[in-house]
PDB file of all heavy atoms in Angstrom:
ATOM      1  N   THR A   1       8.911  -0.092  -4.701  1.00  0.00           N
ATOM      2  CA  THR A   1       9.030  -1.584  -4.675  1.00  0.00           C
ATOM      3  C   THR A   1      10.197  -1.984  -3.730  1.00  0.00           C
ATOM      4  O   THR A   1      10.358  -3.128  -3.396  1.00  0.00           O
ATOM      5  CB  THR A   1       9.221  -2.199  -6.050  1.00  0.00           C
ATOM      6  OG1 THR A   1      10.379  -1.613  -6.666  1.00  0.00           O
ATOM      7  CG2 THR A   1       7.956  -1.875  -6.842  1.00  0.00           C
ATOM      8  N   GLU A   2      11.116  -1.011  -3.381  1.00  0.00           N
ATOM      9  CA  GLU A   2      12.195  -1.286  -2.501  1.00  0.00           C
ATOM     10  C   GLU A   2      11.986  -0.618  -1.154  1.00  0.00           C
ATOM     11  O   GLU A   2      11.427   0.542  -1.111  1.00  0.00           O
ATOM     12  CB  GLU A   2      13.564  -0.825  -3.117  1.00  0.00           C
ATOM     13  CG  GLU A   2      13.892  -1.559  -4.408  1.00  0.00           C
ATOM     14  CD  GLU A   2      15.188  -1.148  -4.952  1.00  0.00           C
ATOM     15  OE1 GLU A   2      15.797  -0.092  -4.362  1.00  0.00           O
ATOM     16  OE2 GLU A   2      15.706  -1.771  -5.884  1.00  0.00           O
ATOM     17  N   PHE A   3      12.396  -1.253  -0.094  1.00  0.00           N
ATOM     18  CA  PHE A   3      12.157  -0.624   1.238  1.00  0.00           C
ATOM     19  C   PHE A   3      13.526  -0.655   2.046  1.00  0.00           C
ATOM     20  O   PHE A   3      14.474  -1.264   1.663  1.00  0.00           O
ATOM     21  CB  PHE A   3      11.052  -1.403   1.929  1.00  0.00           C
ATOM     22  CG  PHE A   3       9.772  -1.540   1.113  1.00  0.00           C
ATOM     23  CD1 PHE A   3       9.570  -2.759   0.448  1.00  0.00           C
ATOM     24  CD2 PHE A   3       8.945  -0.503   0.914  1.00  0.00           C
ATOM     25  CE1 PHE A   3       8.415  -2.880  -0.360  1.00  0.00           C
ATOM     26  CE2 PHE A   3       7.813  -0.658   0.097  1.00  0.00           C
ATOM     27  CZ  PHE A   3       7.541  -1.834  -0.497  1.00  0.00           C
ATOM     28  N   GLY A   4      13.416  -0.120   3.236  1.00  0.00           N
ATOM     29  CA  GLY A   4      14.634   0.011   4.107  1.00  0.00           C
ATOM     30  C   GLY A   4      15.244   1.354   4.056  1.00  0.00           C
ATOM     31  O   GLY A   4      14.908   2.196   3.186  1.00  0.00           O
ATOM     32  N   LYS A   5      16.221   1.580   4.974  1.00  0.00           N
ATOM     33  CA  LYS A   5      16.871   2.876   5.068  1.00  0.00           C
ATOM     34  C   LYS A   5      17.684   3.234   3.773  1.00  0.00           C
ATOM     35  O   LYS A   5      17.661   4.386   3.300  1.00  0.00           O
ATOM     36  CB  LYS A   5      17.817   2.907   6.176  1.00  0.00           C
ATOM     37  CG  LYS A   5      17.133   2.837   7.570  1.00  0.00           C
ATOM     38  CD  LYS A   5      18.145   2.887   8.717  1.00  0.00           C
ATOM     39  CE  LYS A   5      17.365   2.891  10.027  1.00  0.00           C
ATOM     40  NZ  LYS A   5      18.349   2.981  11.217  1.00  0.00           N
ATOM     41  N   GLY A   6      18.316   2.248   3.162  1.00  0.00           N
ATOM     42  CA  GLY A   6      19.126   2.511   1.955  1.00  0.00           C
ATOM     43  C   GLY A   6      18.191   2.862   0.800  1.00  0.00           C
ATOM     44  O   GLY A   6      18.549   3.856   0.078  1.00  0.00           O
ATOM     45  N   SER A   7      17.076   2.253   0.661  1.00  0.00           N
ATOM     46  CA  SER A   7      16.142   2.628  -0.370  1.00  0.00           C
ATOM     47  C   SER A   7      15.567   4.021  -0.144  1.00  0.00           C
ATOM     48  O   SER A   7      15.407   4.771  -1.154  1.00  0.00           O
ATOM     49  CB  SER A   7      15.028   1.607  -0.473  1.00  0.00           C
ATOM     50  OG  SER A   7      14.018   2.011  -1.346  1.00  0.00           O
ATOM     51  N   ALA A   8      15.256   4.305   1.088  1.00  0.00           N
ATOM     52  CA  ALA A   8      14.731   5.642   1.410  1.00  0.00           C
ATOM     53  C   ALA A   8      15.735   6.764   1.094  1.00  0.00           C
ATOM     54  O   ALA A   8      15.296   7.733   0.556  1.00  0.00           O
ATOM     55  CB  ALA A   8      14.328   5.653   2.858  1.00  0.00           C
ATOM     56  N   ARG A   9      16.951   6.521   1.364  1.00  0.00           N
ATOM     57  CA  ARG A   9      18.020   7.516   1.069  1.00  0.00           C
ATOM     58  C   ARG A   9      18.102   7.706  -0.435  1.00  0.00           C
ATOM     59  O   ARG A   9      18.263   8.849  -0.896  1.00  0.00           O
ATOM     60  CB  ARG A   9      19.408   7.131   1.637  1.00  0.00           C
ATOM     61  CG  ARG A   9      19.459   7.316   3.156  1.00  0.00           C
ATOM     62  CD  ARG A   9      20.922   7.195   3.592  1.00  0.00           C
ATOM     63  NE  ARG A   9      21.398   5.868   3.429  1.00  0.00           N
ATOM     64  CZ  ARG A   9      21.398   4.952   4.412  1.00  0.00           C
ATOM     65  NH1 ARG A   9      20.892   5.232   5.575  1.00  0.00           N
ATOM     66  NH2 ARG A   9      21.879   3.719   4.152  1.00  0.00           N
ATOM     67  N   ARG A  10      18.102   6.671  -1.187  1.00  0.00           N
ATOM     68  CA  ARG A  10      18.139   6.750  -2.633  1.00  0.00           C
ATOM     69  C   ARG A  10      16.905   7.498  -3.156  1.00  0.00           C
ATOM     70  O   ARG A  10      17.021   8.354  -4.140  1.00  0.00           O
ATOM     71  CB  ARG A  10      18.191   5.377  -3.328  1.00  0.00           C
ATOM     72  CG  ARG A  10      19.556   4.686  -3.113  1.00  0.00           C
ATOM     73  CD  ARG A  10      19.712   3.454  -3.996  1.00  0.00           C
ATOM     74  NE  ARG A  10      18.755   2.408  -3.539  1.00  0.00           N
ATOM     75  CZ  ARG A  10      19.035   1.474  -2.712  1.00  0.00           C
ATOM     76  NH1 ARG A  10      20.208   1.538  -2.003  1.00  0.00           N
ATOM     77  NH2 ARG A  10      18.124   0.558  -2.410  1.00  0.00           N
ATOM     78  N   THR A  11      15.766   7.237  -2.574  1.00  0.00           N
ATOM     79  CA  THR A  11      14.525   8.010  -3.016  1.00  0.00           C
ATOM     80  C   THR A  11      14.679   9.455  -2.768  1.00  0.00           C
ATOM     81  O   THR A  11      14.363  10.288  -3.661  1.00  0.00           O
ATOM     82  CB  THR A  11      13.322   7.431  -2.241  1.00  0.00           C
ATOM     83  OG1 THR A  11      13.159   6.055  -2.566  1.00  0.00           O
ATOM     84  CG2 THR A  11      12.051   8.189  -2.621  1.00  0.00           C
ATOM     85  N   ARG A  12      15.223   9.849  -1.630  1.00  0.00           N
ATOM     86  CA  ARG A  12      15.383  11.234  -1.330  1.00  0.00           C
ATOM     87  C   ARG A  12      16.389  11.887  -2.160  1.00  0.00           C
ATOM     88  O   ARG A  12      16.321  13.064  -2.561  1.00  0.00           O
ATOM     89  CB  ARG A  12      15.679  11.413   0.221  1.00  0.00           C
ATOM     90  CG  ARG A  12      14.432  11.144   1.133  1.00  0.00           C
ATOM     91  CD  ARG A  12      14.746  11.505   2.505  1.00  0.00           C
ATOM     92  NE  ARG A  12      15.693  10.683   3.190  1.00  0.00           N
ATOM     93  CZ  ARG A  12      15.443   9.542   3.863  1.00  0.00           C
ATOM     94  NH1 ARG A  12      14.105   9.224   4.007  1.00  0.00           N
ATOM     95  NH2 ARG A  12      16.330   8.822   4.472  1.00  0.00           N
ATOM     96  N   ARG A  13      17.510  11.163  -2.514  1.00  0.00           N
ATOM     97  CA  ARG A  13      18.542  11.716  -3.362  1.00  0.00           C
ATOM     98  C   ARG A  13      17.981  11.998  -4.758  1.00  0.00           C
ATOM     99  O   ARG A  13      18.479  12.847  -5.468  1.00  0.00           O
ATOM    100  CB  ARG A  13      19.726  10.807  -3.387  1.00  0.00           C
ATOM    101  CG  ARG A  13      20.644  10.847  -2.205  1.00  0.00           C
ATOM    102  CD  ARG A  13      22.063  10.295  -2.588  1.00  0.00           C
ATOM    103  NE  ARG A  13      21.936   8.899  -2.837  1.00  0.00           N
ATOM    104  CZ  ARG A  13      22.108   7.893  -1.918  1.00  0.00           C
ATOM    105  NH1 ARG A  13      22.358   8.135  -0.735  1.00  0.00           N
ATOM    106  NH2 ARG A  13      22.013   6.634  -2.401  1.00  0.00           N
ATOM    107  N   ALA A  14      16.980  11.178  -5.168  1.00  0.00           N
ATOM    108  CA  ALA A  14      16.343  11.449  -6.431  1.00  0.00           C
ATOM    109  C   ALA A  14      15.307  12.579  -6.400  1.00  0.00           C
ATOM    110  O   ALA A  14      14.606  12.743  -7.405  1.00  0.00           O
ATOM    111  CB  ALA A  14      15.635  10.116  -6.889  1.00  0.00           C
ATOM    112  N   GLY A  15      15.206  13.269  -5.281  1.00  0.00           N
ATOM    113  CA  GLY A  15      14.328  14.411  -5.253  1.00  0.00           C
ATOM    114  C   GLY A  15      12.851  14.061  -4.863  1.00  0.00           C
ATOM    115  O   GLY A  15      11.996  14.791  -5.172  1.00  0.00           O
ATOM    116  N   ARG A  16      12.715  12.886  -4.197  1.00  0.00           N
ATOM    117  CA  ARG A  16      11.350  12.420  -3.895  1.00  0.00           C
ATOM    118  C   ARG A  16      11.258  12.085  -2.390  1.00  0.00           C
ATOM    119  O   ARG A  16      12.303  11.848  -1.763  1.00  0.00           O
ATOM    120  CB  ARG A  16      10.908  11.250  -4.731  1.00  0.00           C
ATOM    121  CG  ARG A  16      10.996  11.553  -6.231  1.00  0.00           C
ATOM    122  CD  ARG A  16      10.418  10.416  -7.070  1.00  0.00           C
ATOM    123  NE  ARG A  16       9.067  10.256  -6.895  1.00  0.00           N
ATOM    124  CZ  ARG A  16       8.097  11.024  -7.534  1.00  0.00           C
ATOM    125  NH1 ARG A  16       8.576  12.012  -8.415  1.00  0.00           N
ATOM    126  NH2 ARG A  16       6.839  10.800  -7.419  1.00  0.00           N
ATOM    127  N   VAL A  17      10.037  12.009  -1.883  1.00  0.00           N
ATOM    128  CA  VAL A  17       9.870  11.728  -0.470  1.00  0.00           C
ATOM    129  C   VAL A  17       9.193  10.372  -0.325  1.00  0.00           C
ATOM    130  O   VAL A  17       8.077  10.126  -0.944  1.00  0.00           O
ATOM    131  CB  VAL A  17       8.886  12.768   0.163  1.00  0.00           C
ATOM    132  CG1 VAL A  17       8.752  12.507   1.669  1.00  0.00           C
ATOM    133  CG2 VAL A  17       9.512  14.158  -0.074  1.00  0.00           C
ATOM    134  N   PRO A  18       9.688   9.435   0.409  1.00  0.00           N
ATOM    135  CA  PRO A  18       9.024   8.124   0.680  1.00  0.00           C
ATOM    136  C   PRO A  18       7.662   8.401   1.348  1.00  0.00           C
ATOM    137  O   PRO A  18       7.610   9.266   2.279  1.00  0.00           O
ATOM    138  CB  PRO A  18      10.027   7.365   1.540  1.00  0.00           C
ATOM    139  CG  PRO A  18      11.337   8.004   1.354  1.00  0.00           C
ATOM    140  CD  PRO A  18      11.034   9.470   1.048  1.00  0.00           C
ATOM    141  N   ALA A  19       6.628   7.667   1.037  1.00  0.00           N
ATOM    142  CA  ALA A  19       5.300   7.814   1.585  1.00  0.00           C
ATOM    143  C   ALA A  19       4.523   6.630   1.583  1.00  0.00           C
ATOM    144  O   ALA A  19       4.824   5.631   0.860  1.00  0.00           O
ATOM    145  CB  ALA A  19       4.598   8.937   0.880  1.00  0.00           C
ATOM    146  N   VAL A  20       3.455   6.593   2.349  1.00  0.00           N
ATOM    147  CA  VAL A  20       2.434   5.498   2.359  1.00  0.00           C
ATOM    148  C   VAL A  20       1.084   6.155   2.295  1.00  0.00           C
ATOM    149  O   VAL A  20       0.928   7.254   2.808  1.00  0.00           O
ATOM    150  CB  VAL A  20       2.547   4.563   3.524  1.00  0.00           C
ATOM    151  CG1 VAL A  20       3.833   3.769   3.529  1.00  0.00           C
ATOM    152  CG2 VAL A  20       2.411   5.335   4.877  1.00  0.00           C
ATOM    153  N   ILE A  21       0.137   5.492   1.699  1.00  0.00           N
ATOM    154  CA  ILE A  21      -1.262   5.991   1.619  1.00  0.00           C
ATOM    155  C   ILE A  21      -2.196   4.872   1.997  1.00  0.00           C
ATOM    156  O   ILE A  21      -1.955   3.728   1.599  1.00  0.00           O
ATOM    157  CB  ILE A  21      -1.562   6.536   0.252  1.00  0.00           C
ATOM    158  CG1 ILE A  21      -3.008   7.246   0.265  1.00  0.00           C
ATOM    159  CG2 ILE A  21      -1.469   5.523  -0.867  1.00  0.00           C
ATOM    160  CD1 ILE A  21      -3.254   8.043  -0.978  1.00  0.00           C
ATOM    161  N   TYR A  22      -3.179   5.141   2.883  1.00  0.00           N
ATOM    162  CA  TYR A  22      -4.086   4.116   3.319  1.00  0.00           C
ATOM    163  C   TYR A  22      -5.417   4.721   3.731  1.00  0.00           C
ATOM    164  O   TYR A  22      -5.591   5.958   3.726  1.00  0.00           O
ATOM    165  CB  TYR A  22      -3.494   3.408   4.533  1.00  0.00           C
ATOM    166  CG  TYR A  22      -3.056   4.256   5.625  1.00  0.00           C
ATOM    167  CD1 TYR A  22      -3.893   4.737   6.675  1.00  0.00           C
ATOM    168  CD2 TYR A  22      -1.695   4.741   5.667  1.00  0.00           C
ATOM    169  CE1 TYR A  22      -3.518   5.562   7.658  1.00  0.00           C
ATOM    170  CE2 TYR A  22      -1.295   5.523   6.772  1.00  0.00           C
ATOM    171  CZ  TYR A  22      -2.174   6.000   7.676  1.00  0.00           C
ATOM    172  OH  TYR A  22      -1.815   6.823   8.724  1.00  0.00           O
ATOM    173  N   GLY A  23      -6.390   3.878   4.077  1.00  0.00           N
ATOM    174  CA  GLY A  23      -7.660   4.372   4.506  1.00  0.00           C
ATOM    175  C   GLY A  23      -8.822   3.859   3.667  1.00  0.00           C
ATOM    176  O   GLY A  23      -8.596   3.326   2.553  1.00  0.00           O
ATOM    177  N   HIS A  24     -10.049   3.948   4.220  1.00  0.00           N
ATOM    178  CA  HIS A  24     -11.166   3.443   3.485  1.00  0.00           C
ATOM    179  C   HIS A  24     -11.103   2.038   3.112  1.00  0.00           C
ATOM    180  O   HIS A  24     -11.661   1.607   2.039  1.00  0.00           O
ATOM    181  CB  HIS A  24     -11.554   4.342   2.335  1.00  0.00           C
ATOM    182  CG  HIS A  24     -12.199   5.622   2.661  1.00  0.00           C
ATOM    183  ND1 HIS A  24     -13.529   5.760   2.923  1.00  0.00           N
ATOM    184  CD2 HIS A  24     -11.659   6.948   2.827  1.00  0.00           C
ATOM    185  CE1 HIS A  24     -13.861   7.039   3.233  1.00  0.00           C
ATOM    186  NE2 HIS A  24     -12.700   7.761   3.213  1.00  0.00           N
ATOM    187  N   GLY A  25     -10.540   1.230   3.990  1.00  0.00           N
ATOM    188  CA  GLY A  25     -10.494  -0.223   3.728  1.00  0.00           C
ATOM    189  C   GLY A  25      -9.436  -0.622   2.747  1.00  0.00           C
ATOM    190  O   GLY A  25      -9.297  -1.904   2.466  1.00  0.00           O
TER     191      GLY A  25
END
């Protein structure tokens, strides 16, 4: 629910990878 470089760094520090999923409309 949070975006931007700071949020992405916090996500990676938590042991996770930021991602998006799309397709099939």
